[in-house]
Amino acid sequence: VQLQAFGGGLVQAGGSLRLSCVASGVILRPYTMAWYRQAPGKQREVVAVVASNNRKDYADSVEDRFTISRSSATNAVYLQMDSLKPEDTAVYYCNSRYASFDWGQGTQVTVYS
């Protein structure tokens, strides 16, 4: 099983990025999936969650700015990030809500002011 996150980059505050997480070796549809992030010196935190029934939840810090989605056709999970702030700078990972899979390398998001 492998989850590959990509789409990060360097962006100015106020900008947007779209992260993708593609799975191989597992069908994601039954799983509640989540995006996590870990900033330097901080613990990994949940950013957004999407259940198998497409119910979505967000951390307060990203509510109304980030949108999580999923696609059975592509076996992937996405994170649209708008109105980015410097405090969004972190390595972003995807995994199931209960971290069922190996974490992988994640994708770096750096937001500068």
N, C-alpha and C. Protein backbone atom coordinates (compact mmCIF):
# COMPACT_ATOMS: atom_id res chain seq x y z
N VAL A 1 0.85 -1.19 0.00
CA VAL A 1 0.00 0.00 0.00
C VAL A 1 0.88 1.23 0.00
N GLN A 2 0.55 2.16 -0.87
CA GLN A 2 1.33 3.39 -0.93
C GLN A 2 0.38 4.56 -1.17
N LEU A 3 0.58 5.60 -0.38
CA LEU A 3 -0.13 6.86 -0.58
C LEU A 3 0.90 7.90 -0.98
N GLN A 4 0.70 8.50 -2.12
CA GLN A 4 1.64 9.49 -2.61
C GLN A 4 0.97 10.85 -2.66
N ALA A 5 1.49 11.77 -1.86
CA ALA A 5 0.97 13.14 -1.83
C ALA A 5 1.86 14.03 -2.67
N PHE A 6 1.24 14.89 -3.45
CA PHE A 6 2.01 15.83 -4.26
C PHE A 6 1.18 17.07 -4.51
N GLY A 7 1.83 18.08 -5.08
CA GLY A 7 1.14 19.33 -5.39
C GLY A 7 1.56 20.50 -4.54
N GLY A 8 2.45 20.26 -3.56
CA GLY A 8 2.90 21.36 -2.74
C GLY A 8 3.82 22.29 -3.51
N GLY A 9 4.25 23.33 -2.83
CA GLY A 9 5.14 24.28 -3.47
C GLY A 9 5.31 25.53 -2.65
N LEU A 10 5.88 26.52 -3.29
CA LEU A 10 6.14 27.82 -2.68
C LEU A 10 5.11 28.81 -3.22
N VAL A 11 4.38 29.46 -2.33
CA VAL A 11 3.31 30.34 -2.77
C VAL A 11 3.23 31.56 -1.87
N GLN A 12 2.87 32.67 -2.44
CA GLN A 12 2.71 33.88 -1.67
C GLN A 12 1.42 33.83 -0.85
N ALA A 13 1.42 34.49 0.29
CA ALA A 13 0.22 34.56 1.12
C ALA A 13 -0.96 35.07 0.29
N GLY A 14 -2.10 34.43 0.48
CA GLY A 14 -3.27 34.76 -0.31
C GLY A 14 -3.46 33.89 -1.53
N GLY A 15 -2.44 33.13 -1.85
CA GLY A 15 -2.48 32.27 -3.02
C GLY A 15 -3.16 30.93 -2.75
N SER A 16 -3.12 30.07 -3.76
CA SER A 16 -3.80 28.78 -3.68
C SER A 16 -2.89 27.65 -4.14
N LEU A 17 -3.16 26.49 -3.62
CA LEU A 17 -2.53 25.25 -4.07
C LEU A 17 -3.56 24.13 -4.01
N ARG A 18 -3.36 23.14 -4.84
CA ARG A 18 -4.22 21.96 -4.79
C ARG A 18 -3.35 20.73 -4.59
N LEU A 19 -3.54 20.06 -3.49
CA LEU A 19 -2.80 18.85 -3.18
C LEU A 19 -3.57 17.63 -3.64
N SER A 20 -2.84 16.63 -4.07
CA SER A 20 -3.43 15.37 -4.47
C SER A 20 -2.78 14.24 -3.70
N CYS A 21 -3.55 13.22 -3.44
CA CYS A 21 -3.05 12.02 -2.76
C CYS A 21 -3.58 10.83 -3.54
N VAL A 22 -2.68 10.12 -4.17
CA VAL A 22 -3.06 8.99 -5.00
C VAL A 22 -2.65 7.70 -4.29
N ALA A 23 -3.55 6.75 -4.27
CA ALA A 23 -3.30 5.50 -3.58
C ALA A 23 -3.03 4.37 -4.57
N SER A 24 -2.13 3.49 -4.18
CA SER A 24 -1.90 2.26 -4.92
C SER A 24 -1.87 1.10 -3.93
N GLY A 25 -2.43 -0.02 -4.34
CA GLY A 25 -2.46 -1.19 -3.46
C GLY A 25 -3.62 -1.23 -2.50
N VAL A 26 -4.50 -0.23 -2.57
CA VAL A 26 -5.66 -0.19 -1.68
C VAL A 26 -6.74 0.63 -2.35
N ILE A 27 -7.98 0.24 -2.13
CA ILE A 27 -9.11 1.03 -2.59
C ILE A 27 -9.54 1.93 -1.44
N LEU A 28 -9.53 3.22 -1.66
CA LEU A 28 -9.79 4.19 -0.59
C LEU A 28 -11.27 4.33 -0.24
N ARG A 29 -12.15 3.92 -1.12
CA ARG A 29 -13.56 4.24 -0.95
C ARG A 29 -14.14 3.91 0.43
N PRO A 30 -13.79 2.77 1.05
CA PRO A 30 -14.41 2.47 2.36
C PRO A 30 -13.84 3.28 3.53
N TYR A 31 -12.74 3.95 3.30
CA TYR A 31 -12.03 4.60 4.40
C TYR A 31 -12.43 6.06 4.58
N THR A 32 -12.50 6.47 5.84
CA THR A 32 -12.50 7.90 6.13
C THR A 32 -11.07 8.37 5.96
N MET A 33 -10.88 9.33 5.09
CA MET A 33 -9.54 9.81 4.75
C MET A 33 -9.33 11.21 5.31
N ALA A 34 -8.07 11.55 5.49
CA ALA A 34 -7.75 12.85 6.08
C ALA A 34 -6.46 13.40 5.50
N TRP A 35 -6.39 14.70 5.52
CA TRP A 35 -5.13 15.40 5.29
C TRP A 35 -4.60 15.86 6.64
N TYR A 36 -3.31 15.68 6.82
CA TYR A 36 -2.62 16.10 8.02
C TYR A 36 -1.49 17.06 7.61
N ARG A 37 -1.00 17.77 8.59
CA ARG A 37 0.19 18.58 8.33
C ARG A 37 1.07 18.62 9.58
N GLN A 38 2.34 18.81 9.31
CA GLN A 38 3.30 18.92 10.41
C GLN A 38 4.25 20.06 10.10
N ALA A 39 4.18 21.07 10.94
CA ALA A 39 5.08 22.21 10.82
C ALA A 39 6.35 21.94 11.63
N PRO A 40 7.44 22.61 11.31
CA PRO A 40 8.69 22.38 12.05
C PRO A 40 8.50 22.59 13.54
N GLY A 41 8.94 21.62 14.31
CA GLY A 41 8.87 21.72 15.76
C GLY A 41 7.51 21.50 16.36
N LYS A 42 6.54 21.12 15.53
CA LYS A 42 5.18 20.91 16.03
C LYS A 42 4.72 19.48 15.75
N GLN A 43 3.69 19.09 16.45
CA GLN A 43 3.12 17.76 16.23
C GLN A 43 2.27 17.74 14.96
N ARG A 44 2.15 16.58 14.40
CA ARG A 44 1.28 16.41 13.25
C ARG A 44 -0.17 16.66 13.68
N GLU A 45 -0.91 17.38 12.84
CA GLU A 45 -2.30 17.69 13.17
C GLU A 45 -3.21 17.37 12.00
N VAL A 46 -4.45 17.08 12.32
CA VAL A 46 -5.46 16.83 11.29
C VAL A 46 -5.93 18.17 10.73
N VAL A 47 -5.99 18.27 9.42
CA VAL A 47 -6.42 19.49 8.76
C VAL A 47 -7.85 19.34 8.24
N ALA A 48 -8.13 18.22 7.61
CA ALA A 48 -9.44 18.03 7.00
C ALA A 48 -9.71 16.53 6.90
N VAL A 49 -10.99 16.20 7.00
CA VAL A 49 -11.41 14.81 6.99
C VAL A 49 -12.58 14.66 6.01
N VAL A 50 -12.58 13.57 5.26
CA VAL A 50 -13.73 13.26 4.41
C VAL A 50 -14.10 11.80 4.63
N ALA A 51 -15.34 11.58 5.02
CA ALA A 51 -15.81 10.22 5.28
C ALA A 51 -16.19 9.52 3.98
N SER A 52 -16.47 8.23 4.11
CA SER A 52 -16.86 7.45 2.93
C SER A 52 -18.19 7.94 2.36
N ASN A 53 -19.02 8.56 3.22
CA ASN A 53 -20.29 9.12 2.74
C ASN A 53 -20.15 10.57 2.30
N ASN A 54 -18.91 11.03 2.20
CA ASN A 54 -18.56 12.37 1.74
C ASN A 54 -18.80 13.47 2.77
N ARG A 55 -19.12 13.10 3.99
CA ARG A 55 -19.19 14.12 5.04
C ARG A 55 -17.79 14.67 5.28
N LYS A 56 -17.71 15.99 5.49
CA LYS A 56 -16.42 16.64 5.62
C LYS A 56 -16.32 17.42 6.91
N ASP A 57 -15.14 17.44 7.48
CA ASP A 57 -14.85 18.22 8.68
C ASP A 57 -13.49 18.87 8.52
N TYR A 58 -13.36 20.04 9.16
CA TYR A 58 -12.14 20.81 9.02
C TYR A 58 -11.66 21.31 10.37
N ALA A 59 -10.36 21.45 10.48
CA ALA A 59 -9.81 22.14 11.64
C ALA A 59 -10.26 23.60 11.59
N ASP A 60 -10.45 24.19 12.75
CA ASP A 60 -10.91 25.58 12.82
C ASP A 60 -9.98 26.51 12.03
N SER A 61 -8.70 26.19 12.05
CA SER A 61 -7.70 27.08 11.44
C SER A 61 -7.80 27.13 9.92
N VAL A 62 -8.47 26.15 9.31
CA VAL A 62 -8.56 26.12 7.85
C VAL A 62 -9.99 26.19 7.34
N GLU A 63 -10.95 26.20 8.26
CA GLU A 63 -12.36 26.26 7.87
C GLU A 63 -12.58 27.46 6.94
N ASP A 64 -13.34 27.24 5.90
CA ASP A 64 -13.69 28.26 4.89
C ASP A 64 -12.55 28.63 3.96
N ARG A 65 -11.39 28.02 4.13
CA ARG A 65 -10.27 28.28 3.22
C ARG A 65 -9.85 27.02 2.47
N PHE A 66 -9.97 25.87 3.11
CA PHE A 66 -9.56 24.60 2.51
C PHE A 66 -10.80 23.78 2.18
N THR A 67 -10.69 22.97 1.12
CA THR A 67 -11.77 22.08 0.73
C THR A 67 -11.20 20.71 0.43
N ILE A 68 -11.67 19.71 1.14
CA ILE A 68 -11.25 18.34 0.90
C ILE A 68 -12.26 17.67 -0.01
N SER A 69 -11.77 16.80 -0.87
CA SER A 69 -12.65 16.05 -1.75
C SER A 69 -12.01 14.69 -2.03
N ARG A 70 -12.81 13.81 -2.62
CA ARG A 70 -12.30 12.49 -2.94
C ARG A 70 -12.93 12.02 -4.23
N SER A 71 -12.26 11.09 -4.87
CA SER A 71 -12.76 10.55 -6.13
C SER A 71 -12.53 9.04 -6.15
N SER A 72 -13.60 8.31 -6.32
CA SER A 72 -13.46 6.86 -6.47
C SER A 72 -12.85 6.53 -7.84
N ALA A 73 -13.15 7.34 -8.82
CA ALA A 73 -12.65 7.08 -10.17
C ALA A 73 -11.12 7.11 -10.23
N THR A 74 -10.55 8.04 -9.49
CA THR A 74 -9.09 8.17 -9.50
C THR A 74 -8.45 7.55 -8.27
N ASN A 75 -9.29 7.06 -7.33
CA ASN A 75 -8.77 6.48 -6.09
C ASN A 75 -7.84 7.48 -5.40
N ALA A 76 -8.33 8.69 -5.25
CA ALA A 76 -7.50 9.76 -4.74
C ALA A 76 -8.29 10.68 -3.81
N VAL A 77 -7.54 11.43 -3.06
CA VAL A 77 -8.10 12.45 -2.17
C VAL A 77 -7.40 13.76 -2.50
N TYR A 78 -8.14 14.85 -2.43
CA TYR A 78 -7.60 16.15 -2.81
C TYR A 78 -7.79 17.16 -1.70
N LEU A 79 -6.96 18.19 -1.72
CA LEU A 79 -7.12 19.30 -0.78
C LEU A 79 -6.89 20.59 -1.54
N GLN A 80 -7.96 21.34 -1.75
CA GLN A 80 -7.87 22.65 -2.35
C GLN A 80 -7.62 23.66 -1.24
N MET A 81 -6.53 24.38 -1.34
CA MET A 81 -6.15 25.33 -0.30
C MET A 81 -6.16 26.74 -0.89
N ASP A 82 -7.02 27.57 -0.39
CA ASP A 82 -7.13 28.95 -0.84
C ASP A 82 -6.81 29.91 0.30
N SER A 83 -6.57 31.14 -0.05
CA SER A 83 -6.26 32.18 0.95
C SER A 83 -5.18 31.70 1.92
N LEU A 84 -4.13 31.16 1.36
CA LEU A 84 -3.07 30.58 2.18
C LEU A 84 -2.39 31.64 3.04
N LYS A 85 -1.97 31.20 4.22
CA LYS A 85 -1.31 32.06 5.18
C LYS A 85 0.07 31.48 5.51
N PRO A 86 0.99 32.30 5.96
CA PRO A 86 2.31 31.77 6.34
C PRO A 86 2.22 30.64 7.37
N GLU A 87 1.24 30.70 8.24
CA GLU A 87 1.10 29.65 9.26
C GLU A 87 0.61 28.33 8.68
N ASP A 88 0.26 28.30 7.41
CA ASP A 88 -0.08 27.04 6.76
C ASP A 88 1.17 26.29 6.30
N THR A 89 2.31 26.90 6.42
CA THR A 89 3.56 26.26 6.02
C THR A 89 3.78 24.98 6.82
N ALA A 90 3.96 23.88 6.12
CA ALA A 90 4.12 22.57 6.76
C ALA A 90 4.34 21.52 5.68
N VAL A 91 4.66 20.33 6.13
CA VAL A 91 4.61 19.16 5.25
C VAL A 91 3.22 18.57 5.39
N TYR A 92 2.56 18.34 4.27
CA TYR A 92 1.20 17.82 4.26
C TYR A 92 1.21 16.36 3.87
N TYR A 93 0.44 15.58 4.60
CA TYR A 93 0.34 14.14 4.38
C TYR A 93 -1.14 13.76 4.24
N CYS A 94 -1.36 12.67 3.55
CA CYS A 94 -2.69 12.08 3.60
C CYS A 94 -2.58 10.69 4.22
N ASN A 95 -3.66 10.27 4.82
CA ASN A 95 -3.74 8.96 5.44
C ASN A 95 -5.20 8.72 5.80
N SER A 96 -5.52 7.54 6.23
CA SER A 96 -6.86 7.35 6.75
C SER A 96 -6.99 8.12 8.06
N ARG A 97 -8.19 8.30 8.54
CA ARG A 97 -8.41 9.08 9.76
C ARG A 97 -7.72 8.44 10.95
N TYR A 98 -7.52 7.15 10.92
CA TYR A 98 -6.85 6.45 12.03
C TYR A 98 -5.47 5.97 11.62
N ALA A 99 -4.90 6.62 10.62
CA ALA A 99 -3.50 6.37 10.22
C ALA A 99 -3.25 4.89 9.95
N SER A 100 -4.08 4.32 9.09
CA SER A 100 -3.99 2.89 8.81
C SER A 100 -2.80 2.53 7.92
N PHE A 101 -2.29 3.53 7.22
CA PHE A 101 -1.27 3.27 6.21
C PHE A 101 0.05 3.94 6.58
N ASP A 102 1.10 3.51 5.92
CA ASP A 102 2.38 4.18 6.10
C ASP A 102 2.24 5.64 5.68
N TRP A 103 3.02 6.52 6.33
CA TRP A 103 2.84 7.95 6.13
C TRP A 103 3.37 8.47 4.80
N GLY A 104 4.36 7.89 4.28
CA GLY A 104 4.96 8.42 3.05
C GLY A 104 5.72 9.72 3.32
N GLN A 105 6.18 10.35 2.26
CA GLN A 105 7.05 11.52 2.41
C GLN A 105 6.27 12.81 2.56
N GLY A 106 5.04 12.84 2.18
CA GLY A 106 4.28 14.08 2.24
C GLY A 106 4.73 15.06 1.16
N THR A 107 4.12 16.23 1.19
CA THR A 107 4.46 17.27 0.22
C THR A 107 4.61 18.60 0.96
N GLN A 108 5.67 19.31 0.66
CA GLN A 108 5.99 20.54 1.37
C GLN A 108 5.17 21.71 0.81
N VAL A 109 4.55 22.44 1.72
CA VAL A 109 3.86 23.68 1.38
C VAL A 109 4.55 24.80 2.14
N THR A 110 5.00 25.80 1.41
CA THR A 110 5.65 26.96 2.03
C THR A 110 4.94 28.21 1.56
N VAL A 111 4.44 28.98 2.52
CA VAL A 111 3.71 30.21 2.23
C VAL A 111 4.50 31.38 2.77
N TYR A 112 4.82 32.34 1.90
CA TYR A 112 5.61 33.48 2.32
C TYR A 112 4.76 34.74 2.24
N SER A 113 5.11 35.67 3.11
CA SER A 113 4.34 36.94 3.16
C SER A 113 5.00 38.02 2.34
